[in-house]
Amino acid sequence: MYRRSTVLAIWILLIAGAVYLFIFEPGKTGFFPGCPFRLLTGFTCPGCGTTRALHQILHGHFDTAFTLNPLLLIAIPFALFAFLRYTVIVMRGGVPRPNALPAPVIYAIFFIIVSFWIFRNTPLYPFVS
């Protein structure tokens, strides 16, 4: 019962957040805090551009979203699949496994994120803003 209500609450929050993000454009209207890492260092973090990219995705502008944060656009299908799978397991009354990813996959994800973080702060073509 506890897991089901938690999953439902998360879906309700995701939908409410998506509606808010659809209505209000980040950087122009609404309440969207800035990136503290960028504020302190002047560099972009792996998450910089995520809110603006999600706004563009909700409006169907996938090319613009990709330019704002390409890693997000690549990660969304995996995250959505994982959460949908978790939702189905919980709603059927099952108990999800605590961690289904082997250590090498977790290290690979970490390496991808750190590499993206480094390269997006270099003046190379796809990362030039």
N, C-alpha and C. Protein backbone atom coordinates (compact mmCIF):
# COMPACT_ATOMS: atom_id res chain seq x y z
N MET A 1 0.82 -1.20 0.00
CA MET A 1 0.00 0.00 0.00
C MET A 1 0.86 1.27 0.00
N TYR A 2 1.93 1.26 0.81
CA TYR A 2 2.80 2.42 0.91
C TYR A 2 3.49 2.70 -0.42
N ARG A 3 3.98 1.64 -1.09
CA ARG A 3 4.66 1.83 -2.38
C ARG A 3 3.68 2.35 -3.43
N ARG A 4 2.47 1.82 -3.43
CA ARG A 4 1.49 2.27 -4.43
C ARG A 4 1.17 3.74 -4.27
N SER A 5 0.95 4.18 -3.05
CA SER A 5 0.62 5.59 -2.84
C SER A 5 1.82 6.48 -3.19
N THR A 6 3.02 6.00 -2.94
CA THR A 6 4.21 6.77 -3.30
C THR A 6 4.34 6.90 -4.81
N VAL A 7 4.12 5.80 -5.53
CA VAL A 7 4.19 5.84 -6.99
C VAL A 7 3.11 6.78 -7.55
N LEU A 8 1.89 6.69 -7.02
CA LEU A 8 0.83 7.59 -7.47
C LEU A 8 1.16 9.05 -7.19
N ALA A 9 1.72 9.31 -6.02
CA ALA A 9 2.10 10.69 -5.67
C ALA A 9 3.19 11.20 -6.62
N ILE A 10 4.15 10.35 -6.95
CA ILE A 10 5.22 10.76 -7.87
C ILE A 10 4.64 11.06 -9.25
N TRP A 11 3.73 10.21 -9.75
CA TRP A 11 3.12 10.46 -11.06
C TRP A 11 2.30 11.76 -11.05
N ILE A 12 1.59 12.01 -9.97
CA ILE A 12 0.80 13.26 -9.87
C ILE A 12 1.74 14.47 -9.87
N LEU A 13 2.84 14.38 -9.12
CA LEU A 13 3.81 15.48 -9.11
C LEU A 13 4.47 15.67 -10.47
N LEU A 14 4.79 14.57 -11.15
CA LEU A 14 5.38 14.68 -12.49
C LEU A 14 4.42 15.34 -13.47
N ILE A 15 3.17 14.96 -13.41
CA ILE A 15 2.17 15.55 -14.31
C ILE A 15 1.96 17.03 -13.98
N ALA A 16 1.85 17.35 -12.69
CA ALA A 16 1.68 18.76 -12.29
C ALA A 16 2.90 19.58 -12.71
N GLY A 17 4.10 19.03 -12.53
CA GLY A 17 5.31 19.72 -12.95
C GLY A 17 5.35 19.92 -14.46
N ALA A 18 4.91 18.91 -15.21
CA ALA A 18 4.89 19.01 -16.66
C ALA A 18 3.90 20.08 -17.12
N VAL A 19 2.76 20.15 -16.47
CA VAL A 19 1.76 21.17 -16.83
C VAL A 19 2.33 22.56 -16.53
N TYR A 20 2.94 22.73 -15.37
CA TYR A 20 3.55 24.02 -15.02
C TYR A 20 4.64 24.39 -16.02
N LEU A 21 5.46 23.42 -16.36
CA LEU A 21 6.56 23.65 -17.29
C LEU A 21 6.05 23.91 -18.71
N PHE A 22 4.93 23.32 -19.05
CA PHE A 22 4.33 23.57 -20.37
C PHE A 22 3.82 25.01 -20.46
N ILE A 23 3.23 25.48 -19.38
CA ILE A 23 2.61 26.82 -19.38
C ILE A 23 3.66 27.93 -19.28
N PHE A 24 4.62 27.75 -18.37
CA PHE A 24 5.60 28.80 -18.10
C PHE A 24 6.94 28.45 -18.74
N GLU A 25 7.50 29.40 -19.47
CA GLU A 25 8.79 29.19 -20.11
C GLU A 25 9.92 29.57 -19.16
N PRO A 26 10.84 28.64 -18.90
CA PRO A 26 11.95 28.94 -17.99
C PRO A 26 12.79 30.12 -18.49
N GLY A 27 13.18 30.95 -17.56
CA GLY A 27 14.00 32.11 -17.90
C GLY A 27 13.19 33.32 -18.29
N LYS A 28 11.90 33.14 -18.55
CA LYS A 28 11.06 34.28 -18.95
C LYS A 28 9.89 34.47 -18.00
N THR A 29 9.25 33.40 -17.59
CA THR A 29 8.11 33.49 -16.67
C THR A 29 8.20 32.36 -15.65
N GLY A 30 7.40 32.45 -14.62
CA GLY A 30 7.34 31.39 -13.62
C GLY A 30 8.53 31.40 -12.68
N PHE A 31 8.54 30.45 -11.76
CA PHE A 31 9.62 30.32 -10.78
C PHE A 31 10.51 29.17 -11.18
N PHE A 32 11.70 29.48 -11.64
CA PHE A 32 12.69 28.47 -12.00
C PHE A 32 14.04 28.94 -11.47
N PRO A 33 14.56 28.28 -10.42
CA PRO A 33 15.85 28.71 -9.88
C PRO A 33 16.98 28.43 -10.85
N GLY A 34 18.03 29.23 -10.76
CA GLY A 34 19.20 29.04 -11.61
C GLY A 34 20.11 27.95 -11.08
N CYS A 35 21.13 27.64 -11.84
CA CYS A 35 22.09 26.61 -11.47
C CYS A 35 23.13 27.19 -10.52
N PRO A 36 23.25 26.66 -9.30
CA PRO A 36 24.23 27.20 -8.37
C PRO A 36 25.67 26.96 -8.83
N PHE A 37 25.94 25.84 -9.51
CA PHE A 37 27.29 25.57 -10.00
C PHE A 37 27.69 26.61 -11.03
N ARG A 38 26.79 26.94 -11.95
CA ARG A 38 27.08 27.94 -12.97
C ARG A 38 27.23 29.33 -12.35
N LEU A 39 26.41 29.61 -11.36
CA LEU A 39 26.47 30.90 -10.68
C LEU A 39 27.83 31.08 -9.98
N LEU A 40 28.35 30.02 -9.37
CA LEU A 40 29.60 30.10 -8.63
C LEU A 40 30.85 30.01 -9.52
N THR A 41 30.77 29.22 -10.60
CA THR A 41 31.99 28.97 -11.39
C THR A 41 31.96 29.57 -12.79
N GLY A 42 30.77 29.79 -13.34
CA GLY A 42 30.66 30.27 -14.72
C GLY A 42 30.65 29.12 -15.73
N PHE A 43 30.88 27.90 -15.26
CA PHE A 43 30.83 26.72 -16.13
C PHE A 43 29.45 26.06 -16.06
N THR A 44 29.13 25.29 -17.09
CA THR A 44 27.86 24.57 -17.08
C THR A 44 28.05 23.19 -16.45
N CYS A 45 27.02 22.73 -15.77
CA CYS A 45 27.05 21.40 -15.18
C CYS A 45 26.30 20.44 -16.12
N PRO A 46 26.30 19.14 -15.86
CA PRO A 46 25.58 18.22 -16.74
C PRO A 46 24.08 18.50 -16.81
N GLY A 47 23.55 19.15 -15.80
CA GLY A 47 22.11 19.41 -15.77
C GLY A 47 21.70 20.77 -16.34
N CYS A 48 22.67 21.63 -16.62
CA CYS A 48 22.34 22.95 -17.15
C CYS A 48 21.57 22.83 -18.46
N GLY A 49 20.49 23.55 -18.55
CA GLY A 49 19.65 23.52 -19.74
C GLY A 49 18.53 22.50 -19.66
N THR A 50 18.48 21.71 -18.59
CA THR A 50 17.48 20.66 -18.48
C THR A 50 16.06 21.22 -18.43
N THR A 51 15.83 22.23 -17.63
CA THR A 51 14.48 22.78 -17.51
C THR A 51 14.02 23.38 -18.83
N ARG A 52 14.90 24.14 -19.47
CA ARG A 52 14.54 24.72 -20.77
C ARG A 52 14.34 23.62 -21.82
N ALA A 53 15.16 22.56 -21.76
CA ALA A 53 15.02 21.45 -22.70
C ALA A 53 13.70 20.71 -22.48
N LEU A 54 13.33 20.49 -21.22
CA LEU A 54 12.04 19.84 -20.94
C LEU A 54 10.87 20.68 -21.44
N HIS A 55 10.98 21.99 -21.29
CA HIS A 55 9.93 22.88 -21.82
C HIS A 55 9.82 22.72 -23.34
N GLN A 56 10.95 22.65 -24.02
CA GLN A 56 10.95 22.49 -25.47
C GLN A 56 10.40 21.11 -25.87
N ILE A 57 10.73 20.07 -25.12
CA ILE A 57 10.21 18.73 -25.41
C ILE A 57 8.69 18.72 -25.27
N LEU A 58 8.18 19.35 -24.23
CA LEU A 58 6.72 19.39 -24.02
C LEU A 58 6.01 20.12 -25.15
N HIS A 59 6.72 21.00 -25.83
CA HIS A 59 6.14 21.73 -26.96
C HIS A 59 6.49 21.08 -28.30
N GLY A 60 7.19 19.93 -28.25
CA GLY A 60 7.49 19.19 -29.46
C GLY A 60 8.71 19.66 -30.22
N HIS A 61 9.53 20.49 -29.62
CA HIS A 61 10.74 21.00 -30.28
C HIS A 61 11.96 20.20 -29.83
N PHE A 62 12.09 19.00 -30.37
CA PHE A 62 13.15 18.10 -29.93
C PHE A 62 14.54 18.56 -30.37
N ASP A 63 14.63 19.21 -31.52
CA ASP A 63 15.93 19.69 -31.99
C ASP A 63 16.46 20.80 -31.07
N THR A 64 15.59 21.69 -30.65
CA THR A 64 16.00 22.75 -29.72
C THR A 64 16.37 22.15 -28.37
N ALA A 65 15.60 21.17 -27.92
CA ALA A 65 15.89 20.51 -26.64
C ALA A 65 17.25 19.83 -26.70
N PHE A 66 17.58 19.24 -27.83
CA PHE A 66 18.88 18.57 -27.97
C PHE A 66 20.02 19.57 -27.89
N THR A 67 19.84 20.75 -28.44
CA THR A 67 20.90 21.75 -28.35
C THR A 67 21.06 22.28 -26.93
N LEU A 68 19.99 22.29 -26.15
CA LEU A 68 20.06 22.79 -24.78
C LEU A 68 20.72 21.77 -23.84
N ASN A 69 20.38 20.50 -23.98
CA ASN A 69 20.99 19.46 -23.15
C ASN A 69 20.84 18.11 -23.86
N PRO A 70 21.82 17.73 -24.67
CA PRO A 70 21.72 16.47 -25.42
C PRO A 70 21.66 15.24 -24.53
N LEU A 71 22.34 15.27 -23.41
CA LEU A 71 22.33 14.10 -22.53
C LEU A 71 20.94 13.83 -21.98
N LEU A 72 20.18 14.87 -21.71
CA LEU A 72 18.82 14.71 -21.22
C LEU A 72 17.96 13.99 -22.24
N LEU A 73 18.04 14.41 -23.48
CA LEU A 73 17.21 13.80 -24.53
C LEU A 73 17.55 12.33 -24.71
N ILE A 74 18.82 11.99 -24.53
CA ILE A 74 19.23 10.59 -24.64
C ILE A 74 18.79 9.79 -23.42
N ALA A 75 18.80 10.42 -22.23
CA ALA A 75 18.49 9.71 -20.99
C ALA A 75 17.00 9.53 -20.72
N ILE A 76 16.16 10.39 -21.28
CA ILE A 76 14.73 10.34 -20.99
C ILE A 76 14.10 8.97 -21.29
N PRO A 77 14.34 8.35 -22.45
CA PRO A 77 13.71 7.04 -22.69
C PRO A 77 14.11 5.99 -21.65
N PHE A 78 15.36 6.00 -21.22
CA PHE A 78 15.81 5.03 -20.21
C PHE A 78 15.15 5.28 -18.86
N ALA A 79 15.11 6.55 -18.46
CA ALA A 79 14.49 6.89 -17.17
C ALA A 79 12.99 6.60 -17.20
N LEU A 80 12.34 6.93 -18.31
CA LEU A 80 10.91 6.68 -18.43
C LEU A 80 10.62 5.17 -18.39
N PHE A 81 11.43 4.39 -19.11
CA PHE A 81 11.25 2.94 -19.09
C PHE A 81 11.42 2.39 -17.67
N ALA A 82 12.47 2.84 -16.97
CA ALA A 82 12.73 2.35 -15.61
C ALA A 82 11.58 2.69 -14.67
N PHE A 83 11.07 3.92 -14.76
CA PHE A 83 9.99 4.31 -13.86
C PHE A 83 8.68 3.62 -14.23
N LEU A 84 8.40 3.44 -15.52
CA LEU A 84 7.20 2.71 -15.92
C LEU A 84 7.27 1.25 -15.46
N ARG A 85 8.43 0.66 -15.60
CA ARG A 85 8.62 -0.73 -15.14
C ARG A 85 8.41 -0.82 -13.63
N TYR A 86 8.99 0.11 -12.88
CA TYR A 86 8.81 0.15 -11.43
C TYR A 86 7.34 0.31 -11.08
N THR A 87 6.65 1.20 -11.80
CA THR A 87 5.23 1.44 -11.55
C THR A 87 4.42 0.17 -11.76
N VAL A 88 4.67 -0.54 -12.85
CA VAL A 88 3.92 -1.77 -13.15
C VAL A 88 4.16 -2.81 -12.07
N ILE A 89 5.40 -2.99 -11.66
CA ILE A 89 5.72 -3.98 -10.61
C ILE A 89 5.00 -3.64 -9.32
N VAL A 90 5.06 -2.38 -8.91
CA VAL A 90 4.44 -1.97 -7.65
C VAL A 90 2.92 -2.08 -7.73
N MET A 91 2.32 -1.66 -8.81
CA MET A 91 0.86 -1.70 -8.93
C MET A 91 0.33 -3.13 -8.99
N ARG A 92 1.14 -4.06 -9.42
CA ARG A 92 0.74 -5.47 -9.43
C ARG A 92 0.98 -6.14 -8.08
N GLY A 93 1.52 -5.38 -7.13
CA GLY A 93 1.74 -5.91 -5.79
C GLY A 93 3.10 -6.54 -5.59
N GLY A 94 3.97 -6.44 -6.55
CA GLY A 94 5.31 -7.01 -6.43
C GLY A 94 6.25 -6.10 -5.67
N VAL A 95 7.39 -6.65 -5.34
CA VAL A 95 8.44 -5.88 -4.66
C VAL A 95 9.60 -5.73 -5.64
N PRO A 96 9.90 -4.51 -6.05
CA PRO A 96 11.00 -4.31 -7.00
C PRO A 96 12.35 -4.63 -6.38
N ARG A 97 13.27 -5.05 -7.23
CA ARG A 97 14.63 -5.31 -6.77
C ARG A 97 15.28 -3.99 -6.38
N PRO A 98 16.14 -4.00 -5.37
CA PRO A 98 16.77 -2.75 -4.94
C PRO A 98 17.69 -2.13 -5.98
N ASN A 99 18.45 -2.96 -6.71
CA ASN A 99 19.34 -2.42 -7.74
C ASN A 99 19.51 -3.47 -8.83
N ALA A 100 19.05 -3.15 -10.02
CA ALA A 100 19.12 -4.10 -11.12
C ALA A 100 20.32 -3.86 -12.02
N LEU A 101 21.06 -2.79 -11.79
CA LEU A 101 22.19 -2.47 -12.66
C LEU A 101 23.49 -3.04 -12.08
N PRO A 102 24.25 -3.74 -12.91
CA PRO A 102 25.56 -4.20 -12.43
C PRO A 102 26.53 -3.03 -12.30
N ALA A 103 27.54 -3.21 -11.48
CA ALA A 103 28.51 -2.15 -11.21
C ALA A 103 29.15 -1.57 -12.47
N PRO A 104 29.55 -2.38 -13.48
CA PRO A 104 30.16 -1.79 -14.68
C PRO A 104 29.22 -0.82 -15.41
N VAL A 105 27.93 -1.08 -15.37
CA VAL A 105 26.97 -0.17 -16.02
C VAL A 105 26.89 1.14 -15.26
N ILE A 106 26.91 1.06 -13.95
CA ILE A 106 26.88 2.28 -13.13
C ILE A 106 28.15 3.11 -13.37
N TYR A 107 29.29 2.44 -13.46
CA TYR A 107 30.54 3.15 -13.75
C TYR A 107 30.50 3.77 -15.15
N ALA A 108 29.92 3.07 -16.10
CA ALA A 108 29.81 3.60 -17.47
C ALA A 108 28.93 4.85 -17.49
N ILE A 109 27.82 4.81 -16.78
CA ILE A 109 26.93 5.98 -16.70
C ILE A 109 27.68 7.15 -16.06
N PHE A 110 28.40 6.88 -15.00
CA PHE A 110 29.20 7.93 -14.33
C PHE A 110 30.22 8.52 -15.30
N PHE A 111 30.91 7.66 -16.05
CA PHE A 111 31.91 8.11 -17.01
C PHE A 111 31.28 8.98 -18.11
N ILE A 112 30.11 8.57 -18.59
CA ILE A 112 29.40 9.34 -19.62
C ILE A 112 29.02 10.72 -19.09
N ILE A 113 28.50 10.78 -17.88
CA ILE A 113 28.08 12.07 -17.31
C ILE A 113 29.28 12.99 -17.09
N VAL A 114 30.35 12.45 -16.53
CA VAL A 114 31.54 13.28 -16.28
C VAL A 114 32.16 13.73 -17.61
N SER A 115 32.21 12.84 -18.60
CA SER A 115 32.74 13.21 -19.92
C SER A 115 31.90 14.32 -20.55
N PHE A 116 30.58 14.18 -20.46
CA PHE A 116 29.69 15.21 -20.98
C PHE A 116 29.93 16.53 -20.27
N TRP A 117 30.12 16.48 -18.96
CA TRP A 117 30.37 17.67 -18.16
C TRP A 117 31.64 18.37 -18.62
N ILE A 118 32.69 17.60 -18.87
CA ILE A 118 33.97 18.17 -19.31
C ILE A 118 33.84 18.75 -20.72
N PHE A 119 33.31 17.96 -21.64
CA PHE A 119 33.28 18.38 -23.04
C PHE A 119 32.31 19.53 -23.31
N ARG A 120 31.26 19.64 -22.52
CA ARG A 120 30.34 20.76 -22.77
C ARG A 120 30.92 22.09 -22.32
N ASN A 121 32.02 22.05 -21.58
CA ASN A 121 32.71 23.27 -21.16
C ASN A 121 33.95 23.54 -22.01
N THR A 122 34.07 22.88 -23.14
CA THR A 122 35.17 23.11 -24.07
C THR A 122 34.62 23.80 -25.31
N PRO A 123 35.48 24.47 -26.08
CA PRO A 123 35.00 25.17 -27.27
C PRO A 123 34.92 24.27 -28.51
N LEU A 124 34.59 23.00 -28.34
CA LEU A 124 34.45 22.10 -29.48
C LEU A 124 33.06 22.22 -30.07
N TYR A 125 32.88 21.86 -31.33
CA TYR A 125 31.68 22.15 -32.10
C TYR A 125 30.35 21.82 -31.40
N PRO A 126 30.03 20.59 -31.09
CA PRO A 126 28.65 20.39 -30.61
C PRO A 126 28.37 21.05 -29.28
N PHE A 127 29.42 21.43 -28.56
CA PHE A 127 29.23 21.98 -27.23
C PHE A 127 29.37 23.49 -27.17
N VAL A 128 29.64 24.13 -28.30
CA VAL A 128 29.76 25.58 -28.31
C VAL A 128 28.38 26.18 -28.15
N SER A 129 28.23 27.08 -27.19
CA SER A 129 26.91 27.68 -27.00
C SER A 129 26.83 29.06 -27.56
